[in-house]
Amino acid sequence: TRGTIAARLYQRRVPEAEWAVPSETGQRETDAAVAAVK
């Protein structure tokens, strides 16, 4: 979710990884996937 990514819940815990977050288009697809499941 946008909240998880904005809060950096994972990025702060594993800073050595090169975290690749979605583009805005990709985030909209993620949001839509979550909404579809719900």
PDB file of all heavy atoms in Angstrom:
ATOM      1  N   THR A   1       0.838  -1.198   0.000  1.00  0.00           N
ATOM      2  CA  THR A   1       0.000   0.000   0.000  1.00  0.00           C
ATOM      3  C   THR A   1       0.875   1.251   0.000  1.00  0.00           C
ATOM      4  O   THR A   1       2.057   1.205   0.349  1.00  0.00           O
ATOM      5  CB  THR A   1      -0.911   0.034   1.235  1.00  0.00           C
ATOM      6  OG1 THR A   1      -0.106   0.230   2.408  1.00  0.00           O
ATOM      7  CG2 THR A   1      -1.723  -1.251   1.368  1.00  0.00           C
ATOM      8  N   ARG A   2       0.270   2.338  -0.350  1.00  0.00           N
ATOM      9  CA  ARG A   2       0.998   3.604  -0.307  1.00  0.00           C
ATOM     10  C   ARG A   2       1.460   3.918   1.116  1.00  0.00           C
ATOM     11  O   ARG A   2       2.512   4.524   1.312  1.00  0.00           O
ATOM     12  CB  ARG A   2       0.115   4.730  -0.851  1.00  0.00           C
ATOM     13  CG  ARG A   2      -0.200   4.592  -2.335  1.00  0.00           C
ATOM     14  CD  ARG A   2      -1.202   5.613  -2.823  1.00  0.00           C
ATOM     15  NE  ARG A   2      -1.585   5.352  -4.202  1.00  0.00           N
ATOM     16  CZ  ARG A   2      -0.988   5.893  -5.274  1.00  0.00           C
ATOM     17  NH1 ARG A   2       0.004   6.753  -5.114  1.00  0.00           N
ATOM     18  NH2 ARG A   2      -1.397   5.595  -6.484  1.00  0.00           N
ATOM     19  N   GLY A   3       0.685   3.494   2.090  1.00  0.00           N
ATOM     20  CA  GLY A   3       1.066   3.725   3.479  1.00  0.00           C
ATOM     21  C   GLY A   3       2.302   2.940   3.880  1.00  0.00           C
ATOM     22  O   GLY A   3       3.212   3.480   4.529  1.00  0.00           O
ATOM     23  N   THR A   4       2.342   1.679   3.515  1.00  0.00           N
ATOM     24  CA  THR A   4       3.498   0.845   3.840  1.00  0.00           C
ATOM     25  C   THR A   4       4.767   1.387   3.210  1.00  0.00           C
ATOM     26  O   THR A   4       5.827   1.445   3.846  1.00  0.00           O
ATOM     27  CB  THR A   4       3.249  -0.602   3.384  1.00  0.00           C
ATOM     28  OG1 THR A   4       2.177  -1.152   4.155  1.00  0.00           O
ATOM     29  CG2 THR A   4       4.488  -1.465   3.560  1.00  0.00           C
ATOM     30  N   ILE A   5       4.662   1.799   1.951  1.00  0.00           N
ATOM     31  CA  ILE A   5       5.841   2.311   1.252  1.00  0.00           C
ATOM     32  C   ILE A   5       6.260   3.665   1.806  1.00  0.00           C
ATOM     33  O   ILE A   5       7.446   3.918   2.052  1.00  0.00           O
ATOM     34  CB  ILE A   5       5.570   2.369  -0.259  1.00  0.00           C
ATOM     35  CG1 ILE A   5       5.469   0.934  -0.817  1.00  0.00           C
ATOM     36  CG2 ILE A   5       6.669   3.146  -0.982  1.00  0.00           C
ATOM     37  CD1 ILE A   5       5.082   0.847  -2.260  1.00  0.00           C
ATOM     38  N   ALA A   6       5.281   4.557   2.057  1.00  0.00           N
ATOM     39  CA  ALA A   6       5.609   5.887   2.577  1.00  0.00           C
ATOM     40  C   ALA A   6       6.215   5.812   3.972  1.00  0.00           C
ATOM     41  O   ALA A   6       7.110   6.599   4.314  1.00  0.00           O
ATOM     42  CB  ALA A   6       4.361   6.761   2.601  1.00  0.00           C
ATOM     43  N   ALA A   7       5.749   4.854   4.788  1.00  0.00           N
ATOM     44  CA  ALA A   7       6.283   4.714   6.146  1.00  0.00           C
ATOM     45  C   ALA A   7       7.650   4.054   6.164  1.00  0.00           C
ATOM     46  O   ALA A   7       8.300   4.009   7.213  1.00  0.00           O
ATOM     47  CB  ALA A   7       5.310   3.907   7.003  1.00  0.00           C
ATOM     48  N   ARG A   8       8.083   3.525   5.023  1.00  0.00           N
ATOM     49  CA  ARG A   8       9.393   2.886   4.871  1.00  0.00           C
ATOM     50  C   ARG A   8       9.564   1.732   5.874  1.00  0.00           C
ATOM     51  O   ARG A   8      10.644   1.528   6.440  1.00  0.00           O
ATOM     52  CB  ARG A   8      10.527   3.912   5.027  1.00  0.00           C
ATOM     53  CG  ARG A   8      10.483   5.009   3.983  1.00  0.00           C
ATOM     54  CD  ARG A   8      11.661   5.972   4.105  1.00  0.00           C
ATOM     55  NE  ARG A   8      12.948   5.292   3.947  1.00  0.00           N
ATOM     56  CZ  ARG A   8      13.494   4.966   2.784  1.00  0.00           C
ATOM     57  NH1 ARG A   8      12.865   5.244   1.650  1.00  0.00           N
ATOM     58  NH2 ARG A   8      14.656   4.349   2.744  1.00  0.00           N
ATOM     59  N   LEU A   9       8.488   0.982   6.064  1.00  0.00           N
ATOM     60  CA  LEU A   9       8.526  -0.115   7.037  1.00  0.00           C
ATOM     61  C   LEU A   9       9.578  -1.148   6.669  1.00  0.00           C
ATOM     62  O   LEU A   9      10.255  -1.701   7.548  1.00  0.00           O
ATOM     63  CB  LEU A   9       7.144  -0.769   7.127  1.00  0.00           C
ATOM     64  CG  LEU A   9       6.016   0.104   7.668  1.00  0.00           C
ATOM     65  CD1 LEU A   9       4.699  -0.664   7.671  1.00  0.00           C
ATOM     66  CD2 LEU A   9       6.342   0.602   9.069  1.00  0.00           C
ATOM     67  N   TYR A  10       9.712  -1.421   5.379  1.00  0.00           N
ATOM     68  CA  TYR A  10      10.708  -2.393   4.940  1.00  0.00           C
ATOM     69  C   TYR A  10      12.051  -1.741   4.627  1.00  0.00           C
ATOM     70  O   TYR A  10      13.114  -2.296   4.938  1.00  0.00           O
ATOM     71  CB  TYR A  10      10.193  -3.156   3.712  1.00  0.00           C
ATOM     72  CG  TYR A  10       9.202  -4.226   4.094  1.00  0.00           C
ATOM     73  CD1 TYR A  10       7.845  -3.976   4.092  1.00  0.00           C
ATOM     74  CD2 TYR A  10       9.640  -5.485   4.491  1.00  0.00           C
ATOM     75  CE1 TYR A  10       6.934  -4.953   4.469  1.00  0.00           C
ATOM     76  CE2 TYR A  10       8.749  -6.471   4.872  1.00  0.00           C
ATOM     77  CZ  TYR A  10       7.400  -6.196   4.858  1.00  0.00           C
ATOM     78  OH  TYR A  10       6.504  -7.166   5.245  1.00  0.00           O
ATOM     79  N   GLN A  11      12.022  -0.575   4.007  1.00  0.00           N
ATOM     80  CA  GLN A  11      13.277   0.056   3.610  1.00  0.00           C
ATOM     81  C   GLN A  11      14.166   0.352   4.814  1.00  0.00           C
ATOM     82  O   GLN A  11      15.397   0.239   4.729  1.00  0.00           O
ATOM     83  CB  GLN A  11      12.987   1.359   2.844  1.00  0.00           C
ATOM     84  CG  GLN A  11      12.179   1.167   1.567  1.00  0.00           C
ATOM     85  CD  GLN A  11      10.699   1.428   1.763  1.00  0.00           C
ATOM     86  OE1 GLN A  11      10.103   0.875   2.680  1.00  0.00           O
ATOM     87  NE2 GLN A  11      10.113   2.270   0.917  1.00  0.00           N
ATOM     88  N   ARG A  12      13.563   0.727   5.946  1.00  0.00           N
ATOM     89  CA  ARG A  12      14.360   1.031   7.141  1.00  0.00           C
ATOM     90  C   ARG A  12      14.951  -0.230   7.754  1.00  0.00           C
ATOM     91  O   ARG A  12      16.020  -0.170   8.374  1.00  0.00           O
ATOM     92  CB  ARG A  12      13.490   1.754   8.174  1.00  0.00           C
ATOM     93  CG  ARG A  12      13.154   3.187   7.820  1.00  0.00           C
ATOM     94  CD  ARG A  12      12.439   3.907   8.942  1.00  0.00           C
ATOM     95  NE  ARG A  12      11.075   3.418   9.161  1.00  0.00           N
ATOM     96  CZ  ARG A  12      10.700   2.637  10.156  1.00  0.00           C
ATOM     97  NH1 ARG A  12      11.595   2.236  11.062  1.00  0.00           N
ATOM     98  NH2 ARG A  12       9.439   2.255  10.297  1.00  0.00           N
ATOM     99  N   ARG A  13      14.264  -1.358   7.608  1.00  0.00           N
ATOM    100  CA  ARG A  13      14.732  -2.600   8.236  1.00  0.00           C
ATOM    101  C   ARG A  13      15.830  -3.282   7.428  1.00  0.00           C
ATOM    102  O   ARG A  13      16.647  -4.017   7.994  1.00  0.00           O
ATOM    103  CB  ARG A  13      13.556  -3.568   8.410  1.00  0.00           C
ATOM    104  CG  ARG A  13      12.493  -3.108   9.404  1.00  0.00           C
ATOM    105  CD  ARG A  13      12.983  -3.149  10.841  1.00  0.00           C
ATOM    106  NE  ARG A  13      11.903  -2.892  11.783  1.00  0.00           N
ATOM    107  CZ  ARG A  13      11.219  -3.837  12.411  1.00  0.00           C
ATOM    108  NH1 ARG A  13      11.517  -5.113  12.228  1.00  0.00           N
ATOM    109  NH2 ARG A  13      10.236  -3.519  13.230  1.00  0.00           N
ATOM    110  N   VAL A  14      15.821  -3.107   6.110  1.00  0.00           N
ATOM    111  CA  VAL A  14      16.844  -3.731   5.253  1.00  0.00           C
ATOM    112  C   VAL A  14      17.430  -2.639   4.353  1.00  0.00           C
ATOM    113  O   VAL A  14      17.207  -2.611   3.141  1.00  0.00           O
ATOM    114  CB  VAL A  14      16.255  -4.881   4.404  1.00  0.00           C
ATOM    115  CG1 VAL A  14      17.379  -5.714   3.769  1.00  0.00           C
ATOM    116  CG2 VAL A  14      15.355  -5.789   5.233  1.00  0.00           C
ATOM    117  N   PRO A  15      18.218  -1.732   4.941  1.00  0.00           N
ATOM    118  CA  PRO A  15      18.711  -0.598   4.160  1.00  0.00           C
ATOM    119  C   PRO A  15      19.731  -0.989   3.099  1.00  0.00           C
ATOM    120  O   PRO A  15      19.962  -0.233   2.155  1.00  0.00           O
ATOM    121  CB  PRO A  15      19.352   0.301   5.231  1.00  0.00           C
ATOM    122  CG  PRO A  15      19.700  -0.629   6.350  1.00  0.00           C
ATOM    123  CD  PRO A  15      18.621  -1.668   6.353  1.00  0.00           C
ATOM    124  N   GLU A  16      20.331  -2.179   3.259  1.00  0.00           N
ATOM    125  CA  GLU A  16      21.344  -2.573   2.280  1.00  0.00           C
ATOM    126  C   GLU A  16      20.754  -3.020   0.959  1.00  0.00           C
ATOM    127  O   GLU A  16      21.451  -3.082  -0.061  1.00  0.00           O
ATOM    128  CB  GLU A  16      22.244  -3.681   2.860  1.00  0.00           C
ATOM    129  CG  GLU A  16      21.539  -4.998   3.165  1.00  0.00           C
ATOM    130  CD  GLU A  16      20.980  -5.051   4.574  1.00  0.00           C
ATOM    131  OE1 GLU A  16      20.704  -3.975   5.152  1.00  0.00           O
ATOM    132  OE2 GLU A  16      20.834  -6.170   5.093  1.00  0.00           O
ATOM    133  N   ALA A  17      19.470  -3.354   0.947  1.00  0.00           N
ATOM    134  CA  ALA A  17      18.826  -3.754  -0.303  1.00  0.00           C
ATOM    135  C   ALA A  17      18.562  -2.531  -1.172  1.00  0.00           C
ATOM    136  O   ALA A  17      18.371  -1.420  -0.674  1.00  0.00           O
ATOM    137  CB  ALA A  17      17.520  -4.490  -0.016  1.00  0.00           C
ATOM    138  N   GLU A  18      18.547  -2.740  -2.478  1.00  0.00           N
ATOM    139  CA  GLU A  18      18.195  -1.672  -3.415  1.00  0.00           C
ATOM    140  C   GLU A  18      16.699  -1.790  -3.684  1.00  0.00           C
ATOM    141  O   GLU A  18      16.266  -2.466  -4.618  1.00  0.00           O
ATOM    142  CB  GLU A  18      19.001  -1.803  -4.711  1.00  0.00           C
ATOM    143  CG  GLU A  18      20.507  -1.669  -4.534  1.00  0.00           C
ATOM    144  CD  GLU A  18      21.261  -1.958  -5.817  1.00  0.00           C
ATOM    145  OE1 GLU A  18      20.636  -1.903  -6.907  1.00  0.00           O
ATOM    146  OE2 GLU A  18      22.464  -2.265  -5.745  1.00  0.00           O
ATOM    147  N   TRP A  19      15.915  -1.136  -2.850  1.00  0.00           N
ATOM    148  CA  TRP A  19      14.472  -1.281  -2.933  1.00  0.00           C
ATOM    149  C   TRP A  19      13.922  -0.627  -4.194  1.00  0.00           C
ATOM    150  O   TRP A  19      14.184   0.545  -4.453  1.00  0.00           O
ATOM    151  CB  TRP A  19      13.801  -0.694  -1.701  1.00  0.00           C
ATOM    152  CG  TRP A  19      14.047  -1.502  -0.476  1.00  0.00           C
ATOM    153  CD1 TRP A  19      14.933  -1.243   0.521  1.00  0.00           C
ATOM    154  CD2 TRP A  19      13.405  -2.739  -0.129  1.00  0.00           C
ATOM    155  NE1 TRP A  19      14.882  -2.233   1.474  1.00  0.00           N
ATOM    156  CE2 TRP A  19      13.951  -3.166   1.106  1.00  0.00           C
ATOM    157  CE3 TRP A  19      12.419  -3.519  -0.729  1.00  0.00           C
ATOM    158  CZ2 TRP A  19      13.551  -4.336   1.738  1.00  0.00           C
ATOM    159  CZ3 TRP A  19      12.009  -4.687  -0.114  1.00  0.00           C
ATOM    160  CH2 TRP A  19      12.566  -5.090   1.104  1.00  0.00           C
ATOM    161  N   ALA A  20      13.177  -1.393  -4.959  1.00  0.00           N
ATOM    162  CA  ALA A  20      12.546  -0.890  -6.182  1.00  0.00           C
ATOM    163  C   ALA A  20      11.053  -0.759  -5.911  1.00  0.00           C
ATOM    164  O   ALA A  20      10.347  -1.762  -5.779  1.00  0.00           O
ATOM    165  CB  ALA A  20      12.791  -1.853  -7.342  1.00  0.00           C
ATOM    166  N   VAL A  21      10.588   0.478  -5.773  1.00  0.00           N
ATOM    167  CA  VAL A  21       9.166   0.705  -5.534  1.00  0.00           C
ATOM    168  C   VAL A  21       8.494   1.024  -6.862  1.00  0.00           C
ATOM    169  O   VAL A  21       9.141   1.459  -7.816  1.00  0.00           O
ATOM    170  CB  VAL A  21       8.939   1.845  -4.517  1.00  0.00           C
ATOM    171  CG1 VAL A  21       9.596   1.517  -3.194  1.00  0.00           C
ATOM    172  CG2 VAL A  21       9.453   3.165  -5.063  1.00  0.00           C
ATOM    173  N   PRO A  22       7.204   0.792  -6.958  1.00  0.00           N
ATOM    174  CA  PRO A  22       6.525   1.020  -8.236  1.00  0.00           C
ATOM    175  C   PRO A  22       6.534   2.482  -8.654  1.00  0.00           C
ATOM    176  O   PRO A  22       6.599   3.391  -7.823  1.00  0.00           O
ATOM    177  CB  PRO A  22       5.086   0.537  -7.961  1.00  0.00           C
ATOM    178  CG  PRO A  22       5.176  -0.325  -6.756  1.00  0.00           C
ATOM    179  CD  PRO A  22       6.302   0.229  -5.944  1.00  0.00           C
ATOM    180  N   SER A  23       6.450   2.690  -9.958  1.00  0.00           N
ATOM    181  CA  SER A  23       6.153   4.015 -10.478  1.00  0.00           C
ATOM    182  C   SER A  23       4.713   4.356 -10.080  1.00  0.00           C
ATOM    183  O   SER A  23       3.978   3.515  -9.541  1.00  0.00           O
ATOM    184  CB  SER A  23       6.287   4.020 -12.000  1.00  0.00           C
ATOM    185  OG  SER A  23       5.287   3.173 -12.568  1.00  0.00           O
ATOM    186  N   GLU A  24       4.291   5.558 -10.355  1.00  0.00           N
ATOM    187  CA  GLU A  24       2.899   5.918 -10.038  1.00  0.00           C
ATOM    188  C   GLU A  24       1.932   5.006 -10.788  1.00  0.00           C
ATOM    189  O   GLU A  24       0.911   4.573 -10.225  1.00  0.00           O
ATOM    190  CB  GLU A  24       2.632   7.383 -10.393  1.00  0.00           C
ATOM    191  CG  GLU A  24       1.190   7.828 -10.159  1.00  0.00           C
ATOM    192  CD  GLU A  24       0.714   7.618  -8.727  1.00  0.00           C
ATOM    193  OE1 GLU A  24       1.534   7.681  -7.789  1.00  0.00           O
ATOM    194  OE2 GLU A  24      -0.509   7.388  -8.547  1.00  0.00           O
ATOM    195  N   THR A  25       2.258   4.675 -12.030  1.00  0.00           N
ATOM    196  CA  THR A  25       1.406   3.755 -12.779  1.00  0.00           C
ATOM    197  C   THR A  25       1.374   2.383 -12.107  1.00  0.00           C
ATOM    198  O   THR A  25       0.306   1.778 -11.946  1.00  0.00           O
ATOM    199  CB  THR A  25       1.912   3.607 -14.220  1.00  0.00           C
ATOM    200  OG1 THR A  25       1.841   4.879 -14.873  1.00  0.00           O
ATOM    201  CG2 THR A  25       1.086   2.597 -15.002  1.00  0.00           C
ATOM    202  N   GLY A  26       2.543   1.909 -11.705  1.00  0.00           N
ATOM    203  CA  GLY A  26       2.613   0.612 -11.034  1.00  0.00           C
ATOM    204  C   GLY A  26       1.908   0.622  -9.690  1.00  0.00           C
ATOM    205  O   GLY A  26       1.279  -0.374  -9.300  1.00  0.00           O
ATOM    206  N   GLN A  27       1.983   1.747  -8.962  1.00  0.00           N
ATOM    207  CA  GLN A  27       1.294   1.828  -7.679  1.00  0.00           C
ATOM    208  C   GLN A  27      -0.213   1.810  -7.867  1.00  0.00           C
ATOM    209  O   GLN A  27      -0.946   1.205  -7.066  1.00  0.00           O
ATOM    210  CB  GLN A  27       1.725   3.076  -6.924  1.00  0.00           C
ATOM    211  CG  GLN A  27       1.177   3.151  -5.500  1.00  0.00           C
ATOM    212  CD  GLN A  27       1.665   1.993  -4.629  1.00  0.00           C
ATOM    213  OE1 GLN A  27       2.861   1.739  -4.547  1.00  0.00           O
ATOM    214  NE2 GLN A  27       0.735   1.285  -3.999  1.00  0.00           N
ATOM    215  N   ARG A  28      -0.672   2.455  -8.912  1.00  0.00           N
ATOM    216  CA  ARG A  28      -2.116   2.405  -9.187  1.00  0.00           C
ATOM    217  C   ARG A  28      -2.552   0.975  -9.484  1.00  0.00           C
ATOM    218  O   ARG A  28      -3.648   0.557  -9.083  1.00  0.00           O
ATOM    219  CB  ARG A  28      -2.465   3.338 -10.360  1.00  0.00           C
ATOM    220  CG  ARG A  28      -2.449   4.810  -9.975  1.00  0.00           C
ATOM    221  CD  ARG A  28      -3.215   5.647 -11.001  1.00  0.00           C
ATOM    222  NE  ARG A  28      -2.568   5.613 -12.316  1.00  0.00           N
ATOM    223  CZ  ARG A  28      -1.675   6.494 -12.736  1.00  0.00           C
ATOM    224  NH1 ARG A  28      -1.306   7.495 -11.939  1.00  0.00           N
ATOM    225  NH2 ARG A  28      -1.147   6.402 -13.941  1.00  0.00           N
ATOM    226  N   GLU A  29      -1.710   0.218 -10.191  1.00  0.00           N
ATOM    227  CA  GLU A  29      -2.035  -1.188 -10.449  1.00  0.00           C
ATOM    228  C   GLU A  29      -2.042  -1.994  -9.145  1.00  0.00           C
ATOM    229  O   GLU A  29      -2.902  -2.855  -8.932  1.00  0.00           O
ATOM    230  CB  GLU A  29      -1.036  -1.793 -11.430  1.00  0.00           C
ATOM    231  CG  GLU A  29      -1.086  -1.222 -12.833  1.00  0.00           C
ATOM    232  CD  GLU A  29      -2.336  -1.629 -13.607  1.00  0.00           C
ATOM    233  OE1 GLU A  29      -3.127  -2.452 -13.103  1.00  0.00           O
ATOM    234  OE2 GLU A  29      -2.517  -1.114 -14.729  1.00  0.00           O
ATOM    235  N   THR A  30      -1.098  -1.703  -8.256  1.00  0.00           N
ATOM    236  CA  THR A  30      -1.076  -2.375  -6.948  1.00  0.00           C
ATOM    237  C   THR A  30      -2.323  -2.038  -6.155  1.00  0.00           C
ATOM    238  O   THR A  30      -2.974  -2.929  -5.587  1.00  0.00           O
ATOM    239  CB  THR A  30       0.171  -1.961  -6.153  1.00  0.00           C
ATOM    240  OG1 THR A  30       1.350  -2.253  -6.910  1.00  0.00           O
ATOM    241  CG2 THR A  30       0.241  -2.704  -4.824  1.00  0.00           C
ATOM    242  N   ASP A  31      -2.665  -0.753  -6.120  1.00  0.00           N
ATOM    243  CA  ASP A  31      -3.874  -0.328  -5.406  1.00  0.00           C
ATOM    244  C   ASP A  31      -5.105  -1.038  -5.965  1.00  0.00           C
ATOM    245  O   ASP A  31      -5.984  -1.475  -5.207  1.00  0.00           O
ATOM    246  CB  ASP A  31      -4.068   1.185  -5.533  1.00  0.00           C
ATOM    247  CG  ASP A  31      -2.953   1.999  -4.893  1.00  0.00           C
ATOM    248  OD1 ASP A  31      -2.203   1.438  -4.064  1.00  0.00           O
ATOM    249  OD2 ASP A  31      -2.836   3.200  -5.224  1.00  0.00           O
ATOM    250  N   ALA A  32      -5.157  -1.142  -7.288  1.00  0.00           N
ATOM    251  CA  ALA A  32      -6.314  -1.766  -7.926  1.00  0.00           C
ATOM    252  C   ALA A  32      -6.370  -3.263  -7.620  1.00  0.00           C
ATOM    253  O   ALA A  32      -7.454  -3.830  -7.451  1.00  0.00           O
ATOM    254  CB  ALA A  32      -6.264  -1.532  -9.441  1.00  0.00           C
ATOM    255  N   ALA A  33      -5.211  -3.904  -7.548  1.00  0.00           N
ATOM    256  CA  ALA A  33      -5.171  -5.333  -7.207  1.00  0.00           C
ATOM    257  C   ALA A  33      -5.704  -5.560  -5.804  1.00  0.00           C
ATOM    258  O   ALA A  33      -6.503  -6.481  -5.556  1.00  0.00           O
ATOM    259  CB  ALA A  33      -3.748  -5.867  -7.333  1.00  0.00           C
ATOM    260  N   VAL A  34      -5.280  -4.716  -4.872  1.00  0.00           N
ATOM    261  CA  VAL A  34      -5.736  -4.822  -3.486  1.00  0.00           C
ATOM    262  C   VAL A  34      -7.241  -4.594  -3.404  1.00  0.00           C
ATOM    263  O   VAL A  34      -7.974  -5.349  -2.750  1.00  0.00           O
ATOM    264  CB  VAL A  34      -4.979  -3.826  -2.591  1.00  0.00           C
ATOM    265  CG1 VAL A  34      -5.570  -3.798  -1.186  1.00  0.00           C
ATOM    266  CG2 VAL A  34      -3.497  -4.178  -2.537  1.00  0.00           C
ATOM    267  N   ALA A  35      -7.718  -3.559  -4.084  1.00  0.00           N
ATOM    268  CA  ALA A  35      -9.144  -3.245  -4.058  1.00  0.00           C
ATOM    269  C   ALA A  35      -9.970  -4.377  -4.656  1.00  0.00           C
ATOM    270  O   ALA A  35     -11.064  -4.690  -4.167  1.00  0.00           O
ATOM    271  CB  ALA A  35      -9.410  -1.945  -4.810  1.00  0.00           C
ATOM    272  N   ALA A  36      -9.446  -5.007  -5.710  1.00  0.00           N
ATOM    273  CA  ALA A  36     -10.177  -6.110  -6.351  1.00  0.00           C
ATOM    274  C   ALA A  36     -10.328  -7.293  -5.399  1.00  0.00           C
ATOM    275  O   ALA A  36     -11.389  -7.916  -5.322  1.00  0.00           O
ATOM    276  CB  ALA A  36      -9.467  -6.529  -7.631  1.00  0.00           C
ATOM    277  N   VAL A  37      -9.267  -7.598  -4.648  1.00  0.00           N
ATOM    278  CA  VAL A  37      -9.358  -8.686  -3.677  1.00  0.00           C
ATOM    279  C   VAL A  37     -10.399  -8.354  -2.613  1.00  0.00           C
ATOM    280  O   VAL A  37     -11.213  -9.202  -2.221  1.00  0.00           O
ATOM    281  CB  VAL A  37      -7.988  -8.964  -3.026  1.00  0.00           C
ATOM    282  CG1 VAL A  37      -8.131  -9.980  -1.888  1.00  0.00           C
ATOM    283  CG2 VAL A  37      -6.988  -9.470  -4.053  1.00  0.00           C
ATOM    284  N   LYS A  38     -10.392  -7.117  -2.154  1.00  0.00           N
ATOM    285  CA  LYS A  38     -11.323  -6.728  -1.095  1.00  0.00           C
ATOM    286  C   LYS A  38     -12.780  -6.822  -1.539  1.00  0.00           C
ATOM    287  O   LYS A  38     -13.675  -7.058  -0.722  1.00  0.00           O
ATOM    288  CB  LYS A  38     -10.989  -5.322  -0.592  1.00  0.00           C
ATOM    289  CG  LYS A  38      -9.683  -5.261   0.209  1.00  0.00           C
ATOM    290  CD  LYS A  38      -9.403  -3.870   0.727  1.00  0.00           C
ATOM    291  CE  LYS A  38      -8.096  -3.803   1.511  1.00  0.00           C
ATOM    292  NZ  LYS A  38      -8.150  -4.565   2.769  1.00  0.00           N
TER     293      LYS A  38
END
